[in-house]
Amino acid sequence: MTALSIILSAIFFFLGSIHFFWAFGGNWGLEYALPTTTNNQKALRPSNLMTLFVGLVLFSFGWVFLSQTSIINLEKYNSTLNYIRWGISILFILRAIGDFNYVGFFKKVKPTKFSKADSQLFSPLCLIIGLVGIVLQLY
């Protein structure tokens, strides 16, 4: 299970790094990263500060799952971290299900760049993250 924790942490660190890149002015992949309406209008316009915050949250999620390994020792916080790991796992499963409009497996708006990327990559990744998180909690 240590390998799964490390892989999950690496995914969070990678996603956090992408958000840092965007927060500091990078554009790579940005056209696929934000939900758009059928008129190609951004449904969400996060500020650089909000994007930086999301990056920090993703990094913290990585540390939370890394705490299940011997790499870092946070045993005295173990019961709290267990609740946090459950919360993160549920959050990502809910993200995979979506808002029934722009994001997730059950979205209505489908013919956009974001929607295609969401269906092929983002939602499946969120589901995998959530399920792996649950597996790590159960074993």
Protein backbone atom coordinates (compact mmCIF):
# COMPACT_ATOMS: atom_id res chain seq x y z
CA MET A 1 0.00 0.00 0.00
CA THR A 2 3.00 2.27 0.44
CA ALA A 3 3.47 2.39 -3.34
CA LEU A 4 -0.16 3.47 -3.85
CA SER A 5 0.25 6.22 -1.25
CA ILE A 6 3.40 7.46 -2.96
CA ILE A 7 1.76 7.36 -6.41
CA LEU A 8 -1.30 9.22 -5.13
CA SER A 9 0.91 11.80 -3.45
CA ALA A 10 2.91 12.24 -6.66
CA ILE A 11 -0.32 12.83 -8.59
CA PHE A 12 -1.34 15.53 -6.10
CA PHE A 13 2.11 17.15 -6.22
CA PHE A 14 1.99 17.14 -10.03
CA LEU A 15 -1.51 18.67 -10.12
CA GLY A 16 -0.48 21.25 -7.53
CA SER A 17 2.57 22.15 -9.63
CA ILE A 18 0.39 22.71 -12.69
CA HIS A 19 -1.77 25.09 -10.66
CA PHE A 20 1.34 26.97 -9.47
CA PHE A 21 2.44 27.23 -13.11
CA TRP A 22 -0.92 28.76 -14.05
CA ALA A 23 -0.96 31.05 -11.00
CA PHE A 24 2.37 32.53 -12.07
CA GLY A 25 1.29 33.19 -15.65
CA GLY A 26 1.71 29.89 -17.50
CA ASN A 27 -0.80 29.04 -20.21
CA TRP A 28 -0.02 25.44 -21.16
CA GLY A 29 -3.20 23.36 -21.01
CA LEU A 30 -5.28 26.21 -19.67
CA GLU A 31 -7.74 26.11 -22.57
CA TYR A 32 -8.68 22.56 -21.49
CA ALA A 33 -8.65 23.21 -17.75
CA LEU A 34 -11.65 25.49 -17.21
CA PRO A 35 -15.29 24.64 -17.91
CA THR A 36 -16.83 26.55 -20.80
CA THR A 37 -20.35 27.13 -21.97
CA THR A 38 -21.52 26.00 -25.41
CA ASN A 39 -20.63 29.54 -26.59
CA ASN A 40 -17.01 28.96 -25.47
CA GLN A 41 -17.38 31.43 -22.61
CA LYS A 42 -15.51 30.48 -19.43
CA ALA A 43 -17.98 29.24 -16.82
CA LEU A 44 -15.32 29.84 -14.18
CA ARG A 45 -12.71 32.61 -13.97
CA PRO A 46 -10.46 31.95 -10.98
CA SER A 47 -7.98 34.61 -9.96
CA ASN A 48 -4.26 33.89 -9.76
CA LEU A 49 -4.59 33.93 -5.97
CA MET A 50 -7.37 31.32 -6.08
CA THR A 51 -5.34 29.17 -8.49
CA LEU A 52 -2.37 29.41 -6.12
CA PHE A 53 -4.64 28.41 -3.23
CA VAL A 54 -5.86 25.35 -5.15
CA GLY A 55 -2.24 24.41 -5.84
CA LEU A 56 -1.45 24.64 -2.12
CA VAL A 57 -4.49 22.53 -1.25
CA LEU A 58 -3.45 19.88 -3.78
CA PHE A 59 0.07 19.86 -2.33
CA SER A 60 -1.36 19.45 1.16
CA PHE A 61 -3.44 16.50 -0.08
CA GLY A 62 -0.21 14.97 -1.34
CA TRP A 63 1.37 15.35 2.11
CA VAL A 64 -1.71 13.84 3.76
CA PHE A 65 -1.42 10.67 1.67
CA LEU A 66 2.36 10.63 2.00
CA SER A 67 1.81 10.49 5.76
CA GLN A 68 0.61 6.90 5.30
CA THR A 69 4.17 5.90 4.39
CA SER A 70 7.35 5.76 6.40
CA ILE A 71 8.65 8.78 4.45
CA ILE A 72 7.08 11.20 6.91
CA ASN A 73 5.90 10.35 10.39
CA LEU A 74 2.76 12.02 11.62
CA GLU A 75 1.48 9.18 13.84
CA LYS A 76 0.28 11.50 16.58
CA TYR A 77 -2.18 13.01 14.06
CA ASN A 78 -3.18 9.64 12.58
CA SER A 79 -6.84 9.66 13.62
CA THR A 80 -7.33 13.19 12.28
CA LEU A 81 -5.50 12.33 9.06
CA ASN A 82 -7.75 9.29 8.60
CA TYR A 83 -10.82 11.55 8.58
CA ILE A 84 -9.09 13.95 6.21
CA ARG A 85 -8.15 11.11 3.82
CA TRP A 86 -11.77 9.90 3.82
CA GLY A 87 -12.90 13.46 3.09
CA ILE A 88 -10.44 13.87 0.22
CA SER A 89 -11.49 10.53 -1.27
CA ILE A 90 -15.18 11.40 -1.10
CA LEU A 91 -14.51 14.87 -2.50
CA PHE A 92 -12.82 13.41 -5.59
CA ILE A 93 -15.57 10.85 -6.15
CA LEU A 94 -18.12 13.67 -5.97
CA ARG A 95 -16.00 15.66 -8.45
CA ALA A 96 -16.05 12.68 -10.81
CA ILE A 97 -19.84 12.51 -10.57
CA GLY A 98 -19.92 16.25 -11.21
CA ASP A 99 -22.28 19.17 -10.97
CA PHE A 100 -24.65 17.78 -13.63
CA ASN A 101 -23.95 20.85 -15.76
CA TYR A 102 -20.30 21.51 -16.71
CA VAL A 103 -18.13 18.92 -14.95
CA GLY A 104 -18.18 15.22 -14.19
CA PHE A 105 -19.50 12.09 -15.81
CA PHE A 106 -23.09 13.38 -15.78
CA LYS A 107 -22.54 16.86 -17.24
CA LYS A 108 -24.99 18.38 -19.72
CA VAL A 109 -22.61 20.68 -21.63
CA LYS A 110 -20.55 18.33 -23.80
CA PRO A 111 -19.27 19.81 -27.08
CA THR A 112 -16.40 21.89 -25.63
CA LYS A 113 -12.65 21.35 -25.30
CA PHE A 114 -12.96 21.21 -21.54
CA SER A 115 -15.85 18.76 -21.69
CA LYS A 116 -13.93 16.35 -23.88
CA ALA A 117 -10.84 16.59 -21.64
CA ASP A 118 -13.05 16.17 -18.59
CA SER A 119 -14.70 13.04 -19.98
CA GLN A 120 -11.45 11.48 -21.16
CA LEU A 121 -9.04 12.53 -18.40
CA PHE A 122 -10.22 14.69 -15.51
CA SER A 123 -13.31 12.78 -14.33
CA PRO A 124 -11.69 9.33 -14.67
CA LEU A 125 -8.63 10.61 -12.79
CA CYS A 126 -10.83 12.01 -10.02
CA LEU A 127 -12.68 8.69 -9.75
CA ILE A 128 -9.39 6.77 -9.58
CA ILE A 129 -8.02 9.16 -6.95
CA GLY A 130 -11.17 8.73 -4.87
CA LEU A 131 -11.23 4.95 -5.17
CA VAL A 132 -7.51 4.57 -4.45
CA GLY A 133 -7.94 6.81 -1.41
CA ILE A 134 -10.72 4.56 -0.14
CA VAL A 135 -8.65 1.43 -0.79
CA LEU A 136 -5.79 2.96 1.19
CA GLN A 137 -8.15 3.71 4.06
CA LEU A 138 -9.54 0.18 4.13
CA TYR A 139 -6.18 -1.61 4.12
